[in-house]
Protein backbone atom coordinates (compact mmCIF):
# COMPACT_ATOMS: atom_id res chain seq x y z
CA MET A 1 -7.69 10.59 1.58
CA ARG A 2 -6.48 11.40 -1.92
CA ARG A 3 -8.88 8.84 -3.41
CA ALA A 4 -11.85 10.44 -1.66
CA VAL A 5 -10.74 13.90 -2.75
CA VAL A 6 -10.34 12.72 -6.32
CA LEU A 7 -13.87 11.31 -6.46
CA MET A 8 -15.30 14.54 -5.05
CA PHE A 9 -13.71 16.68 -7.73
CA ILE A 10 -14.01 14.56 -10.88
CA ALA A 11 -17.48 15.87 -11.71
CA PHE A 12 -16.40 19.44 -10.98
CA LEU A 13 -13.36 19.15 -13.21
CA LEU A 14 -15.18 17.54 -16.09
CA ASN A 15 -17.78 20.31 -16.08
CA GLY A 16 -15.56 23.15 -14.89
CA CYS A 17 -14.16 26.26 -16.46
CA LYS A 18 -13.34 26.32 -20.12
CA LYS A 19 -9.77 26.87 -21.23
CA SER A 20 -8.70 30.49 -20.83
CA HIS A 21 -5.53 32.46 -21.17
CA SER A 22 -5.36 34.51 -17.98
CA ASP A 23 -2.11 36.09 -16.89
CA PRO A 24 -0.62 33.85 -14.15
CA ALA A 25 -0.11 36.93 -11.99
CA THR A 26 -3.89 37.52 -11.93
CA ILE A 27 -4.83 33.93 -11.04
CA THR A 28 -6.02 33.48 -7.49
CA ILE A 29 -6.98 30.42 -5.49
CA PRO A 30 -10.14 30.95 -3.46
CA ASP A 31 -9.75 31.27 0.30
CA LEU A 32 -11.68 28.45 1.91
CA PRO A 33 -12.44 27.88 5.60
CA PRO A 34 -10.45 25.21 7.46
CA ALA A 35 -11.56 21.70 6.58
CA VAL A 36 -12.96 19.63 9.44
CA THR A 37 -12.40 15.91 8.88
CA ALA A 38 -13.14 12.73 10.77
CA VAL A 39 -10.45 11.07 12.86
CA GLY A 40 -8.64 8.24 11.09
CA THR A 41 -9.41 4.64 12.03
CA PRO A 42 -6.66 2.23 13.11
CA ILE A 43 -5.09 -0.02 10.47
CA ALA A 44 -2.20 -2.49 10.81
CA SER A 45 -0.39 -3.14 14.08
CA PRO A 46 0.93 -0.49 16.47
CA VAL A 47 4.47 -0.30 17.76
CA THR A 48 5.15 0.53 21.42
CA LYS A 49 8.54 1.29 22.96
CA THR A 50 9.50 2.62 26.39
CA ILE A 51 11.54 5.82 26.21
CA GLY A 52 13.02 7.53 29.27
CA PRO A 53 14.77 10.82 30.05
CA GLY A 54 17.84 9.53 28.20
CA GLY A 55 15.95 9.75 24.91
CA GLY A 56 15.73 7.26 22.06
CA THR A 57 14.01 6.49 18.77
CA VAL A 58 10.77 4.76 17.81
CA LEU A 59 10.13 3.44 14.29
CA SER A 60 6.70 2.51 12.95
CA ALA A 61 6.10 -1.09 11.90
CA ASP A 62 6.07 -0.11 8.23
CA GLY A 63 9.30 1.90 8.61
CA ARG A 64 7.60 5.02 7.25
CA ILE A 65 7.84 7.34 10.23
CA GLU A 66 10.43 7.73 12.95
CA LEU A 67 10.38 9.59 16.25
CA SER A 68 13.71 10.83 17.62
CA LEU A 69 13.46 11.92 21.25
CA PRO A 70 16.49 13.80 22.59
CA VAL A 71 17.79 13.72 26.16
CA ASN A 72 15.34 15.25 28.67
CA ALA A 73 12.43 15.38 26.21
CA LEU A 74 10.57 13.21 28.74
CA ALA A 75 10.77 13.54 32.50
CA ALA A 76 10.08 9.83 33.15
CA ASN A 77 9.88 6.49 31.37
CA THR A 78 6.96 6.59 28.95
CA ASP A 79 5.47 3.95 26.63
CA ILE A 80 5.47 5.62 23.21
CA THR A 81 3.05 4.12 20.65
CA ILE A 82 2.81 4.64 16.90
CA GLN A 83 -0.54 3.45 15.51
CA PRO A 84 -1.15 3.66 11.72
CA VAL A 85 -4.59 5.10 10.88
CA THR A 86 -6.47 6.02 7.73
CA ASN A 87 -5.47 9.40 6.35
CA THR A 88 -8.23 12.04 6.40
CA ALA A 89 -6.02 15.09 5.82
CA PRO A 90 -6.74 17.23 2.72
CA ASN A 91 -4.38 15.94 0.01
CA GLY A 92 -2.95 13.52 2.56
CA SER A 93 -0.47 10.95 1.31
CA GLY A 94 -0.40 7.32 2.42
CA VAL A 95 -1.53 6.51 5.96
CA SER A 96 -1.53 8.81 8.98
CA TYR A 97 -0.19 7.94 12.41
CA HIS A 98 -1.71 8.33 15.86
CA LEU A 99 1.16 9.12 18.21
CA MET A 100 0.41 8.21 21.81
CA PRO A 101 -0.04 8.74 24.70
CA ASP A 102 -2.50 11.43 23.60
CA GLY A 103 -1.60 14.90 24.71
CA THR A 104 1.99 14.06 25.59
CA LYS A 105 4.06 17.24 25.60
CA PHE A 106 7.84 17.41 25.50
CA ASN A 107 10.29 19.52 27.45
CA VAL A 108 12.38 19.94 24.31
CA PRO A 109 11.34 19.43 20.67
CA VAL A 110 11.11 15.91 19.25
CA THR A 111 11.93 15.19 15.60
CA LEU A 112 9.20 13.51 13.54
CA THR A 113 10.55 12.10 10.28
CA PHE A 114 8.55 10.72 7.35
CA HIS A 115 10.46 8.40 5.02
CA TYR A 116 8.62 9.11 1.81
CA SER A 117 8.34 6.75 -1.16
CA ALA A 118 7.82 7.03 -4.92
CA ALA A 119 4.08 6.71 -4.28
CA ASP A 120 4.16 9.83 -2.08
CA VAL A 121 5.94 11.84 -4.79
CA ASN A 122 3.72 10.59 -7.62
CA GLY A 123 1.70 13.60 -8.79
CA THR A 124 3.57 16.20 -6.74
CA LEU A 125 7.03 17.47 -5.75
CA PRO A 126 8.82 16.80 -2.44
CA VAL A 127 9.29 20.55 -1.81
CA LEU A 128 5.49 20.86 -1.81
CA PHE A 129 5.03 18.37 1.04
CA TYR A 130 3.47 19.46 4.28
CA ILE A 131 3.52 17.80 7.71
CA ALA A 132 0.34 18.29 9.73
CA PHE A 133 -1.43 17.24 12.91
CA GLN A 134 -5.16 17.08 13.58
CA ASP A 135 -6.37 19.15 16.51
CA SER A 136 -9.26 18.37 18.85
CA SER A 137 -11.75 20.16 16.59
CA GLY A 138 -10.87 17.96 13.60
CA ILE A 139 -8.86 20.66 11.80
CA TRP A 140 -5.42 19.88 10.40
CA GLN A 141 -2.63 22.28 11.36
CA ALA A 142 0.11 22.09 8.73
CA ASP A 143 3.67 23.23 8.23
CA PHE A 144 4.64 24.00 4.62
CA LYS A 145 7.91 25.79 5.21
CA ASN A 146 9.94 24.77 8.25
CA ARG A 147 9.90 20.99 7.81
CA LYS A 148 13.18 19.80 6.35
CA VAL A 149 12.96 17.94 3.04
CA ASP A 150 15.99 15.80 2.18
CA THR A 151 15.55 14.53 -1.38
CA ALA A 152 18.72 12.39 -1.17
CA ALA A 153 17.57 10.55 1.97
CA LYS A 154 13.90 10.81 0.87
CA THR A 155 12.78 12.20 4.21
CA ALA A 156 10.61 15.05 5.44
CA SER A 157 11.13 15.95 9.10
CA LEU A 158 9.75 18.48 11.56
CA SER A 159 10.37 19.39 15.19
CA ILE A 160 7.19 18.80 17.22
CA ARG A 161 6.27 19.32 20.86
CA HIS A 162 3.18 17.18 21.32
CA PHE A 163 1.45 13.97 20.21
CA SER A 164 -1.67 13.79 18.10
CA PHE A 165 -2.68 12.40 14.68
CA TRP A 166 0.12 13.29 12.23
CA SER A 167 0.17 13.08 8.44
CA LEU A 168 2.28 13.75 5.38
CA GLY A 169 0.53 15.49 2.50
CA SER A 170 1.11 17.76 -0.47
CA GLN A 171 0.05 21.28 -1.30
CA LEU A 172 -0.43 20.47 -5.00
CA TYR A 173 -1.38 17.11 -6.44
CA MET A 174 -2.05 15.71 -9.92
CA PHE A 175 -4.33 12.67 -9.81
CA ALA A 176 -5.40 9.88 -12.12
CA SER A 177 -8.65 8.20 -11.12
CA PRO A 178 -8.61 5.28 -11.30
CA PRO A 179 -4.79 4.98 -11.21
CA GLN A 180 -4.89 1.72 -13.16
CA VAL A 181 -6.86 0.84 -16.28
CA SER A 182 -7.06 -1.91 -18.85
CA GLU A 183 -7.69 -1.98 -22.60
CA ASN A 184 -9.85 0.96 -23.79
CA GLU A 185 -10.71 1.93 -20.20
CA GLN A 186 -10.60 5.54 -19.08
CA SER A 187 -9.02 7.47 -16.22
CA ASN A 188 -9.88 11.03 -15.21
CA LEU A 189 -6.94 13.41 -14.79
CA GLY A 190 -6.94 16.63 -12.82
CA ILE A 191 -4.94 18.81 -10.44
CA VAL A 192 -6.03 19.94 -6.97
CA ILE A 193 -4.41 22.34 -4.52
CA VAL A 194 -4.52 23.12 -0.81
CA ASN A 195 -4.18 26.88 -0.51
CA ASP A 196 -1.42 27.79 1.94
CA GLU A 197 -2.58 30.52 4.32
CA GLY A 198 0.96 31.71 4.92
CA ASP A 199 3.15 31.56 8.02
CA PRO A 200 1.16 32.47 11.15
CA GLY A 201 4.16 32.02 13.45
CA VAL A 202 4.40 29.90 16.58
CA ASN A 203 1.09 28.60 17.91
CA SER A 204 0.01 27.86 21.48
CA THR A 205 1.45 24.32 21.45
CA GLY A 206 4.91 25.53 20.46
CA GLU A 207 4.97 24.36 16.84
CA PHE A 208 6.05 26.97 14.34
CA GLY A 209 4.76 27.85 10.90
CA LEU A 210 1.46 25.97 11.28
CA SER A 211 -1.64 26.97 9.37
CA SER A 212 -5.11 25.43 9.18
CA LEU A 213 -5.65 23.29 6.08
CA PRO A 214 -8.67 24.19 3.97
CA ALA A 215 -10.40 21.67 1.74
CA VAL A 216 -8.70 20.93 -1.55
CA THR A 217 -9.88 22.80 -4.63
CA PRO A 218 -9.20 22.33 -8.36
CA VAL A 219 -6.57 24.60 -9.85
CA PRO A 220 -8.06 27.30 -12.10
CA GLY A 221 -8.80 26.22 -15.65
CA SER A 222 -6.12 28.44 -17.16
CA VAL A 223 -3.26 26.98 -15.10
CA ALA A 224 -2.68 23.61 -16.80
CA SER A 225 -1.62 23.09 -20.41
CA ASN A 226 0.44 20.84 -22.67
CA TRP A 227 -1.02 17.58 -21.34
CA ALA A 228 0.98 14.61 -22.58
CA ILE A 229 1.43 10.87 -22.17
CA ASN A 230 5.07 9.71 -22.04
CA GLY A 231 6.00 13.14 -23.41
CA ILE A 232 3.70 12.81 -26.43
CA ARG A 233 1.26 15.72 -26.62
CA ASN A 234 -2.26 14.26 -26.21
CA GLY A 235 -0.75 10.73 -26.49
CA ASN A 236 -1.31 8.25 -29.30
CA SER A 237 -2.74 4.78 -29.96
CA GLN A 238 0.34 3.04 -28.53
CA VAL A 239 0.53 4.84 -25.16
CA GLY A 240 -3.11 5.96 -24.86
CA THR A 241 -4.83 9.19 -25.75
CA LEU A 242 -6.03 12.33 -23.97
CA SER A 243 -9.19 14.31 -24.55
CA GLY A 244 -11.02 17.12 -22.79
CA SER A 245 -10.17 20.61 -21.58
CA GLU A 246 -6.81 21.72 -20.25
CA SER A 247 -8.17 21.77 -16.70
CA ALA A 248 -9.63 18.25 -16.83
CA GLU A 249 -8.40 15.54 -19.16
CA THR A 250 -9.65 12.03 -19.81
CA TYR A 251 -7.09 9.34 -20.54
CA THR A 252 -8.14 6.37 -22.70
CA ALA A 253 -5.90 3.30 -22.58
CA PRO A 254 -4.67 1.56 -25.75
CA GLY A 255 -6.86 -1.11 -27.31
CA THR A 256 -4.18 -3.74 -26.74
CA ILE A 257 -2.03 -4.16 -23.61
CA SER A 258 0.20 -7.20 -23.86
CA GLN A 259 1.99 -6.79 -20.51
CA GLU A 260 1.52 -4.71 -17.38
CA HIS A 261 3.43 -1.41 -17.53
CA MET A 262 3.26 2.24 -16.55
CA VAL A 263 2.66 5.32 -18.65
CA GLN A 264 3.26 8.83 -17.34
CA ALA A 265 0.80 11.68 -17.70
CA SER A 266 2.19 15.21 -17.46
CA ALA A 267 1.01 18.79 -17.66
CA THR A 268 2.67 22.19 -17.62
CA LEU A 269 1.45 24.47 -14.83
CA THR A 270 1.71 28.21 -15.26
CA TYR A 271 1.26 29.42 -11.73
CA PRO A 272 3.55 31.09 -9.16
CA MET A 273 4.70 28.52 -6.63
CA LYS A 274 7.29 28.40 -3.86
CA GLY A 275 8.75 25.27 -2.38
CA TRP A 276 10.30 25.39 1.07
CA SER A 277 12.71 23.38 3.21
CA ASN A 278 14.05 24.20 6.65
CA GLY A 279 12.54 27.68 6.49
CA LYS A 280 14.17 28.60 3.20
CA ALA A 281 12.65 28.88 -0.27
CA VAL A 282 14.34 26.22 -2.39
CA MET A 283 12.04 26.55 -5.39
CA GLN A 284 10.42 29.65 -6.83
CA THR A 285 8.88 29.42 -10.27
CA ASN A 286 5.99 30.57 -12.41
CA LYS A 287 6.10 27.51 -14.66
CA PHE A 288 6.76 23.85 -13.93
CA ILE A 289 5.66 20.32 -14.89
CA LEU A 290 3.79 17.76 -12.80
CA PHE A 291 3.76 14.04 -13.52
CA THR A 292 1.59 11.15 -12.42
CA ASP A 293 1.75 7.45 -13.29
CA ILE A 294 -1.06 5.36 -14.75
CA ASN A 295 -0.74 1.59 -14.52
CA LEU A 296 -1.87 -0.33 -17.62
CA LEU A 297 -3.19 -3.80 -16.92
CA PRO A 298 -3.73 -6.48 -19.58
CA ARG A 299 -7.01 -8.29 -19.22
CA LYS A 300 -5.44 -11.42 -20.65
CA MET A 301 -2.96 -12.85 -18.16
CA SER A 302 -1.76 -16.26 -17.02
CA PHE A 303 -0.23 -17.35 -13.72
CA LYS A 304 1.50 -20.48 -12.49
CA VAL A 305 0.70 -21.29 -8.86
CA ASP A 306 3.04 -23.51 -6.82
CA VAL A 307 1.65 -24.78 -3.51
CA LEU A 308 3.72 -26.25 -0.67
CA LEU A 309 2.31 -27.79 2.52
CA GLN A 310 4.61 -28.61 5.42
CA ILE A 311 3.71 -30.11 8.79
CA ILE A 312 6.07 -30.88 11.65
CA ASN A 313 5.69 -34.00 13.84
CA THR A 314 2.80 -35.76 12.11
CA SER A 315 4.07 -39.01 13.70
CA GLU A 316 3.64 -37.57 17.20
CA VAL A 317 6.72 -39.66 18.06
CA TYR A 318 9.69 -37.81 16.59
CA ASN A 319 10.28 -34.48 14.87
CA ASP A 320 9.46 -35.50 11.30
CA LEU A 321 8.77 -33.05 8.46
CA TYR A 322 5.81 -33.89 6.20
CA SER A 323 5.72 -32.16 2.78
CA ASP A 324 3.20 -32.19 -0.04
CA GLY A 325 2.59 -29.89 -2.96
CA ALA A 326 0.98 -29.18 -6.30
CA SER A 327 0.99 -26.67 -9.14
CA PHE A 328 -1.71 -25.37 -11.46
CA GLN A 329 -2.39 -22.56 -13.91
CA VAL A 330 -4.84 -19.66 -13.71
CA ASP A 331 -5.80 -17.83 -16.92
CA LEU A 332 -7.61 -14.48 -17.01
CA ASP A 333 -9.17 -13.47 -20.31
CA HIS A 334 -11.16 -10.23 -20.12
CA GLY A 335 -12.93 -11.17 -16.90
CA LYS A 336 -13.23 -14.90 -17.53
CA VAL A 337 -11.07 -17.10 -15.28
CA THR A 338 -9.98 -20.65 -16.10
CA VAL A 339 -8.17 -22.87 -13.59
CA GLY A 340 -6.43 -26.02 -14.87
CA HIS A 341 -3.19 -27.85 -15.71
CA PHE A 342 -3.08 -29.51 -12.29
CA SER A 343 0.12 -31.32 -11.31
CA ASN A 344 0.15 -32.99 -7.89
CA GLU A 345 3.34 -34.11 -6.19
CA GLN A 346 3.81 -37.24 -4.12
CA PRO A 347 3.80 -36.59 -0.35
CA ASN A 348 7.09 -37.01 1.45
CA VAL A 349 8.35 -37.31 5.03
CA THR A 350 11.88 -36.55 6.21
CA PRO A 351 13.14 -38.73 7.79
CA PRO A 352 10.54 -41.44 7.13
CA THR A 353 11.49 -43.39 10.27
CA GLY A 354 12.35 -42.27 13.78
CA SER A 355 11.94 -43.13 17.42
CA TYR A 356 11.48 -41.73 20.86
CA GLY A 357 12.44 -43.96 23.75
CA LEU A 358 11.20 -47.45 23.00
CA ILE A 359 8.64 -46.33 20.38
CA GLN A 360 9.63 -46.43 16.72
CA ALA A 361 7.47 -44.82 14.00
CA THR A 362 7.55 -45.43 10.24
CA TRP A 363 5.63 -43.43 7.67
CA THR A 364 3.57 -45.20 4.99
CA ASN A 365 3.16 -43.39 1.67
CA ASP A 366 -0.55 -43.35 0.81
CA GLY A 367 0.20 -41.93 -2.67
CA THR A 368 -2.23 -39.03 -2.32
CA GLY A 369 -1.38 -36.94 0.71
CA LEU A 370 -3.04 -33.75 1.87
CA VAL A 371 -2.66 -31.78 -1.38
CA ASN A 372 -4.40 -33.37 -4.35
CA ILE A 373 -6.03 -30.61 -6.39
CA THR A 374 -8.40 -31.89 -9.06
CA GLN A 375 -10.67 -28.91 -9.81
CA GLY A 376 -10.64 -25.15 -9.53
CA LEU A 377 -13.02 -22.25 -9.94
CA GLY A 378 -11.89 -18.66 -10.43
CA VAL A 379 -13.86 -15.42 -10.05
CA PHE A 380 -12.49 -12.02 -11.12
CA GLU A 381 -13.37 -8.86 -9.20
CA PRO A 382 -12.55 -5.90 -11.52
CA THR A 383 -12.91 -3.19 -8.88
CA THR A 384 -9.97 -4.63 -6.94
CA ASP A 385 -8.24 -6.46 -9.83
CA THR A 386 -8.39 -9.61 -7.74
CA ILE A 387 -8.90 -13.24 -8.79
CA ALA A 388 -10.46 -15.46 -6.15
CA VAL A 389 -9.52 -19.12 -6.74
CA TYR A 390 -11.52 -21.91 -5.06
CA LEU A 391 -9.95 -25.38 -5.08
CA ALA A 392 -11.37 -28.90 -4.82
CA HIS A 393 -9.33 -31.93 -3.68
CA THR A 394 -9.92 -35.65 -4.13
CA GLY A 395 -8.92 -38.49 -1.78
CA THR A 396 -6.87 -36.41 0.64
CA VAL A 397 -6.06 -38.21 3.89
CA THR A 398 -3.98 -37.65 7.01
CA PRO A 399 -0.46 -39.21 7.03
CA ILE A 400 -0.38 -42.93 7.80
CA TRP A 401 2.03 -44.12 10.49
CA LYS A 402 2.99 -47.51 11.84
CA THR A 403 4.46 -47.64 15.31
CA LYS A 404 6.28 -50.41 17.12
CA ASP A 405 7.08 -50.84 20.78
CA ILE A 406 10.64 -52.20 20.63
CA SER A 407 10.40 -53.80 24.08
CA THR A 408 7.21 -55.80 23.36
CA GLY A 409 7.10 -55.96 19.57
CA ILE A 410 3.51 -54.65 19.59
CA THR A 411 2.64 -52.62 16.47
CA SER A 412 -0.19 -50.26 15.66
CA THR A 413 -1.28 -48.16 12.68
CA TYR A 414 -3.00 -44.80 12.70
CA GLY A 415 -3.82 -42.00 10.25
CA GLY A 416 -5.38 -42.27 6.82
CA GLU A 417 -8.55 -40.38 7.81
CA ALA A 418 -10.31 -38.52 5.00
CA VAL A 419 -9.97 -34.76 5.41
CA PRO A 420 -10.37 -31.64 3.23
CA GLY A 421 -7.27 -30.85 1.21
CA TYR A 422 -4.95 -27.87 1.49
CA PRO A 423 -5.42 -25.09 0.49
CA SER A 424 -9.12 -24.55 0.00
CA GLY A 425 -8.50 -21.38 -2.00
CA LEU A 426 -6.33 -18.33 -2.53
CA PHE A 427 -6.31 -14.86 -4.04
CA ILE A 428 -4.29 -13.50 -6.95
CA ILE A 429 -3.83 -9.82 -7.70
CA ALA A 430 -3.96 -9.29 -11.48
CA ARG A 431 -0.45 -7.86 -11.61
CA ASP A 432 2.61 -8.76 -13.65
CA SER A 433 4.72 -9.59 -10.62
CA VAL A 434 5.58 -12.57 -8.44
CA GLN A 435 3.28 -12.87 -5.43
CA GLU A 436 3.50 -15.00 -2.31
CA GLY A 437 0.89 -16.00 0.21
CA GLY A 438 -0.06 -18.61 2.72
CA TYR A 439 -1.13 -19.30 6.27
CA SER A 440 0.02 -21.26 9.31
CA ASN A 441 -1.29 -22.48 12.63
CA GLY A 442 1.47 -20.64 14.42
CA GLY A 443 3.94 -23.47 14.68
CA THR A 444 3.56 -26.93 13.19
CA LEU A 445 1.62 -26.37 9.95
CA SER A 446 2.25 -23.97 7.08
CA ALA A 447 0.71 -23.79 3.64
CA THR A 448 2.48 -21.40 1.25
CA TRP A 449 2.13 -20.59 -2.41
CA THR A 450 4.08 -18.70 -5.02
CA ILE A 451 2.26 -17.06 -7.94
CA THR A 452 4.39 -16.43 -11.03
CA PRO A 453 3.15 -14.59 -14.15
CA ILE A 454 3.45 -16.55 -17.40
CA HIS A 455 4.48 -14.43 -20.37
């Protein structure tokens, strides 16, 4: 949701209010009606666990949220499901979660815990988190004050009494759009806020401190000042530069980026803010600093790709392990991709001979195998920083086996059929980190690859 919000407000920020010097005490955020958003769509796999009157816990597949159900929260055994969905909450962070069965209500409160990450904190402060659910009208009902924020454990938790779509978000958020740039590319910086309506008390479903979330709005132009990159006011040619008004800055990356790395944009906010945890104000200030990271990507990168193919029981007689592999290099130079430096290994079978009953099988090395990469084509997609690599193979054949019936001495040979080689292609994210990928048929065949940056 943050990405959509960012795109909506870039034009506003770039053409917004000019820098002013209003007294922070006189600055007001406009009251907006509750935002009505679409329901999130399912992503990734759900987790389902049966919980009874004795209570228990359910953890999402990604480990990000946890439900703790105490004794007697449920009157009978119930299949509890956590389904990750796209986040449509105003200033929502990461994915949301559809907790099911829909409409389930608890006899005693259940604890919903978000395990937040560095990505959730980027651009905001943990004490400014909210936890919210989406009601049947599409409005998000949020708690800003009573959820418990544990910065040591990196958790935000809230007692809830019913299931719905639940999300973690932030009241105030500094964004960089896009969050990653390359040489001389630009990123728009700004700060948006969800105005807290206050504490309306306990609502009809039994949650406390919930208020309807309005749409996000840019902070007033006089709030932000002292924009810097890595602590350098307005940046410089080494870390990148800033230009624009205090309410909306444009970051321009350095002309040369030799290796992927982060820079940190910051701004001083002069605005009265309170941060809450467990119903108590833990932060009260009129002046503070927000930070957000910008990832700098070189457009000249090289990767070594190591491919390994393994197949079990190619003899169809005994449990042999067939292996074949290759390596090659992928070079990215400002959008142009070159694939070369192919090195193909000899195929191998362990053990090369085996038997089952009276049938003995012996593998014959054909010298080529199923991985024999001879050409490659790469295409770079800048919007996703992804390199698609298409591979061509020459002379690849199925493993050749000779069998012998020990009781009769009759022999036969099979295999050696021409087939397409493995793999036909793969994807590389243009990042300065080791990546792994692959596929399998669910049991006997696996093709894996390791992608290592070359510095």
